[in-house]
């Protein structure tokens, strides 16, 4: 009946409420993809609805379900990948209600979803967008730590990417300078230590190479840097 109202009377006074009720029915049935579609339609078609803020919150909770690994249904089966769905929902929240109660949270979770997907460049960009767009958010500190972890994860997945390794060290150092006593300082220090050790190992091997070829002055430069 709600679908019929939306089909026949999309501009009626009761259409927004019908869309909202349709979304809640799909939620109760456990079909979060259909619930998301109904809520998305309400947000886009009826932004003046009194249900708007509640629907944004419901969308955020659905996004968190997908972020936690719940798969979307396709033809009644839960087979759709969860992280792309989470990103889609969080992006919609940021676009539709950027400065609402869930704008900064959704932006942060976009970064988390990309990070879990192994898309480290996109994750770093998402966390940087949080810092730029929501400088007063309580999540800024955590976003800076995540940027260090993302850069290190990228360097670990691409063993020859010295740029990613340097970026990880820079992000970790920046975090420690800003938040030396924070809970995440230990993790940042660990990242910096691991990066230093990897750089030391690289320089040591270069020193060995030069020593073998009797370029002793060059070898000493790299040994000193290692030490």
Protein backbone atom coordinates (compact mmCIF):
# COMPACT_ATOMS: atom_id res chain seq x y z
CA UNK A 1 0.00 0.00 0.00
CA UNK A 2 2.84 2.40 0.75
CA UNK A 3 4.41 1.61 -2.62
CA UNK A 4 1.07 2.26 -4.27
CA UNK A 5 0.78 5.66 -2.60
CA UNK A 6 4.29 6.60 -3.77
CA UNK A 7 3.55 5.44 -7.30
CA UNK A 8 0.17 7.17 -7.68
CA UNK A 9 0.60 10.20 -5.42
CA UNK A 10 4.35 11.01 -5.22
CA UNK A 11 3.66 14.70 -4.54
CA UNK A 12 0.98 14.21 -1.94
CA UNK A 13 1.26 15.34 1.66
CA UNK A 14 1.51 11.75 2.89
CA UNK A 15 4.16 10.59 0.38
CA UNK A 16 7.18 11.35 2.64
CA UNK A 17 5.63 9.38 5.49
CA UNK A 18 4.86 6.49 3.13
CA UNK A 19 8.50 6.43 2.05
CA UNK A 20 9.62 6.47 5.66
CA UNK A 21 7.26 3.65 6.64
CA UNK A 22 8.41 1.62 3.64
CA UNK A 23 11.99 1.97 4.82
CA UNK A 24 11.16 0.84 8.35
CA UNK A 25 9.33 -2.23 7.01
CA UNK A 26 12.40 -3.25 4.99
CA UNK A 27 14.57 -2.67 8.07
CA UNK A 28 12.36 -4.91 10.18
CA UNK A 29 12.56 -7.59 7.47
CA UNK A 30 16.35 -7.34 7.53
CA UNK A 31 16.65 -6.10 3.94
CA UNK A 32 18.93 -3.14 4.59
CA UNK A 33 19.57 -2.47 0.90
CA UNK A 34 15.87 -1.86 0.23
CA UNK A 35 15.61 0.15 3.43
CA UNK A 36 18.52 2.29 2.26
CA UNK A 37 16.85 2.85 -1.12
CA UNK A 38 13.64 4.02 0.57
CA UNK A 39 15.48 6.35 2.93
CA UNK A 40 17.65 7.65 0.09
CA UNK A 41 14.52 8.45 -1.89
CA UNK A 42 13.05 10.33 1.07
CA UNK A 43 16.25 12.33 1.57
CA UNK A 44 16.46 13.27 -2.10
CA UNK A 45 12.77 13.76 -2.89
CA UNK A 46 11.48 15.14 0.42
CA UNK A 47 14.35 17.03 2.10
CA UNK A 48 11.84 19.18 4.00
CA UNK A 49 10.25 16.15 5.67
CA UNK A 50 10.06 16.21 9.44
CA UNK A 51 11.55 12.71 9.29
CA UNK A 52 14.74 13.96 7.59
CA UNK A 53 17.05 13.94 10.64
CA UNK A 54 15.73 10.61 11.86
CA UNK A 55 16.27 9.08 8.42
CA UNK A 56 19.84 10.38 8.32
CA UNK A 57 20.44 8.63 11.64
CA UNK A 58 18.85 5.43 10.37
CA UNK A 59 21.02 5.60 7.26
CA UNK A 60 24.10 6.02 9.41
CA UNK A 61 23.21 2.93 11.43
CA UNK A 62 22.65 0.96 8.21
CA UNK A 63 26.01 2.17 6.93
CA UNK A 64 27.63 0.94 10.15
CA UNK A 65 26.02 -2.46 9.68
CA UNK A 66 27.62 -2.76 6.25
CA UNK A 67 30.91 -1.40 7.60
CA UNK A 68 30.85 -4.18 10.19
CA UNK A 69 30.63 -6.77 7.41
CA UNK A 70 26.90 -7.39 6.91
CA UNK A 71 26.32 -8.18 3.22
CA UNK A 72 23.52 -6.74 1.14
CA UNK A 73 20.78 -8.89 -0.34
CA UNK A 74 20.55 -9.60 -4.06
CA UNK A 75 17.59 -11.68 -5.23
CA UNK A 76 16.94 -12.49 -1.59
CA UNK A 77 20.47 -13.74 -0.94
CA UNK A 78 23.06 -11.86 1.15
CA UNK A 79 25.85 -11.71 -1.44
CA UNK A 80 26.42 -8.03 -2.25
CA UNK A 81 29.81 -6.76 -0.91
CA UNK A 82 29.30 -4.74 2.24
CA UNK A 83 32.05 -2.08 2.11
CA UNK A 84 30.99 -0.43 -1.19
CA UNK A 85 27.46 -0.19 0.23
CA UNK A 86 28.81 1.43 3.40
CA UNK A 87 30.78 3.97 1.35
CA UNK A 88 27.72 4.76 -0.77
CA UNK A 89 25.58 5.42 2.30
CA UNK A 90 28.19 7.48 4.16
CA UNK A 91 28.82 9.59 1.04
CA UNK A 92 25.11 10.30 0.77
CA UNK A 93 25.01 11.47 4.39
CA UNK A 94 27.97 13.80 3.85
CA UNK A 95 26.39 15.22 0.69
CA UNK A 96 22.85 15.55 2.08
CA UNK A 97 23.53 16.64 5.67
CA UNK A 98 27.22 17.65 5.83
CA UNK A 99 26.90 19.64 9.04
CA UNK A 100 24.30 17.53 10.77
CA UNK A 101 24.94 15.27 13.72
CA UNK A 102 26.44 12.53 11.54
CA UNK A 103 28.38 14.48 8.88
CA UNK A 104 31.85 14.17 10.41
CA UNK A 105 31.19 10.59 11.57
CA UNK A 106 30.15 9.54 8.07
CA UNK A 107 33.22 11.22 6.55
CA UNK A 108 35.48 9.39 9.00
CA UNK A 109 33.80 6.07 8.25
CA UNK A 110 34.32 6.56 4.52
CA UNK A 111 38.02 6.50 5.29
CA UNK A 112 37.65 3.39 7.45
CA UNK A 113 35.72 1.58 4.71
CA UNK A 114 38.35 2.42 2.09
CA UNK A 115 41.10 1.37 4.50
CA UNK A 116 39.47 -2.02 5.07
CA UNK A 117 39.06 -2.36 1.28
CA UNK A 118 42.80 -1.86 0.79
CA UNK A 119 42.25 1.39 -1.13
CA UNK A 120 44.81 3.33 0.84
CA UNK A 121 45.00 6.45 -1.35
CA UNK A 122 41.22 6.89 -1.16
CA UNK A 123 41.31 6.26 2.59
CA UNK A 124 44.00 8.90 3.13
CA UNK A 125 42.03 11.39 1.05
CA UNK A 126 38.87 10.70 3.06
CA UNK A 127 40.62 11.25 6.38
CA UNK A 128 42.24 14.43 5.05
CA UNK A 129 38.80 15.66 3.95
CA UNK A 130 37.56 15.15 7.50
CA UNK A 131 40.43 17.27 8.85
CA UNK A 132 39.80 19.99 6.26
CA UNK A 133 36.00 20.08 6.41
CA UNK A 134 35.48 19.44 10.13
CA UNK A 135 38.48 21.00 11.92
CA UNK A 136 36.55 21.20 15.20
CA UNK A 137 35.45 17.56 15.13
CA UNK A 138 36.50 15.27 17.97
CA UNK A 139 37.46 12.76 15.27
CA UNK A 140 40.30 14.87 13.84
CA UNK A 141 42.86 13.37 16.23
CA UNK A 142 41.87 9.81 15.32
CA UNK A 143 41.86 10.72 11.61
CA UNK A 144 45.49 11.84 11.86
CA UNK A 145 46.46 8.52 13.43
CA UNK A 146 44.52 6.64 10.74
CA UNK A 147 46.44 8.56 8.06
CA UNK A 148 49.71 7.26 9.53
CA UNK A 149 48.35 3.71 9.62
CA UNK A 150 47.05 3.99 6.06
CA UNK A 151 50.39 5.26 4.75
CA UNK A 152 52.22 2.45 6.54
CA UNK A 153 49.76 -0.16 5.24
CA UNK A 154 50.32 1.13 1.71
CA UNK A 155 54.10 0.96 2.18
CA UNK A 156 53.80 -2.61 3.49
CA UNK A 157 51.68 -3.72 0.55
CA UNK A 158 54.04 -2.07 -1.94
CA UNK A 159 57.49 -2.98 -0.61
CA UNK A 160 59.39 -0.74 -3.00
CA UNK A 161 57.29 2.36 -2.47
CA UNK A 162 59.74 4.56 -0.58
CA UNK A 163 57.36 7.51 -0.92
CA UNK A 164 54.66 5.69 1.04
CA UNK A 165 57.19 4.74 3.70
CA UNK A 166 58.33 8.35 4.03
CA UNK A 167 54.70 9.48 4.21
CA UNK A 168 54.04 7.01 7.03
CA UNK A 169 57.00 8.35 8.99
CA UNK A 170 55.90 11.94 8.39
CA UNK A 171 52.31 11.26 9.48
CA UNK A 172 53.44 9.39 12.60
CA UNK A 173 55.90 12.14 13.51
CA UNK A 174 53.23 14.81 12.99
CA UNK A 175 50.81 12.92 15.23
CA UNK A 176 53.40 12.59 18.01
CA UNK A 177 54.19 16.29 17.84
CA UNK A 178 50.51 17.25 18.10
CA UNK A 179 49.37 14.62 20.60
CA UNK A 180 52.41 13.38 22.58
CA UNK A 181 50.30 12.20 25.51
CA UNK A 182 47.35 10.81 23.57
CA UNK A 183 46.25 7.19 23.72
CA UNK A 184 47.26 6.73 20.07
CA UNK A 185 50.81 8.05 20.65
CA UNK A 186 52.10 4.55 21.37
CA UNK A 187 50.76 3.28 18.03
CA UNK A 188 52.23 6.28 16.17
CA UNK A 189 55.61 5.72 17.86
CA UNK A 190 55.49 2.06 16.85
CA UNK A 191 54.82 2.99 13.21
CA UNK A 192 57.71 5.45 13.27
CA UNK A 193 60.02 2.85 14.82
CA UNK A 194 59.15 0.21 12.23
CA UNK A 195 59.68 2.71 9.40
CA UNK A 196 63.06 3.69 10.88
CA UNK A 197 64.09 0.04 11.09
CA UNK A 198 63.09 -0.62 7.50
CA UNK A 199 65.02 2.43 6.33
CA UNK A 200 68.03 1.34 8.39
CA UNK A 201 67.95 -2.11 6.84
CA UNK A 202 67.74 -0.60 3.34
CA UNK A 203 70.70 1.70 3.99
CA UNK A 204 72.73 -1.13 5.52
CA UNK A 205 72.24 -3.25 2.40
CA UNK A 206 73.27 -0.34 0.19
CA UNK A 207 76.38 0.06 2.35
CA UNK A 208 77.21 -3.63 1.87
CA UNK A 209 76.83 -3.22 -1.89
CA UNK A 210 79.26 -0.28 -1.99
CA UNK A 211 81.72 -2.02 0.31
CA UNK A 212 81.72 -5.10 -1.90
CA UNK A 213 82.63 -2.94 -4.91
CA UNK A 214 85.32 -1.17 -2.86
CA UNK A 215 83.52 2.21 -2.79
CA UNK A 216 84.40 2.59 0.87
CA UNK A 217 83.56 6.28 1.34
CA UNK A 218 80.06 5.70 -0.06
CA UNK A 219 79.69 2.62 2.11
CA UNK A 220 80.62 4.61 5.22
CA UNK A 221 77.94 7.20 4.46
CA UNK A 222 75.22 4.54 4.50
CA UNK A 223 76.66 2.73 7.52
CA UNK A 224 76.73 5.97 9.50
CA UNK A 225 73.13 6.68 8.54
CA UNK A 226 72.16 3.17 9.64
CA UNK A 227 73.93 3.61 12.96
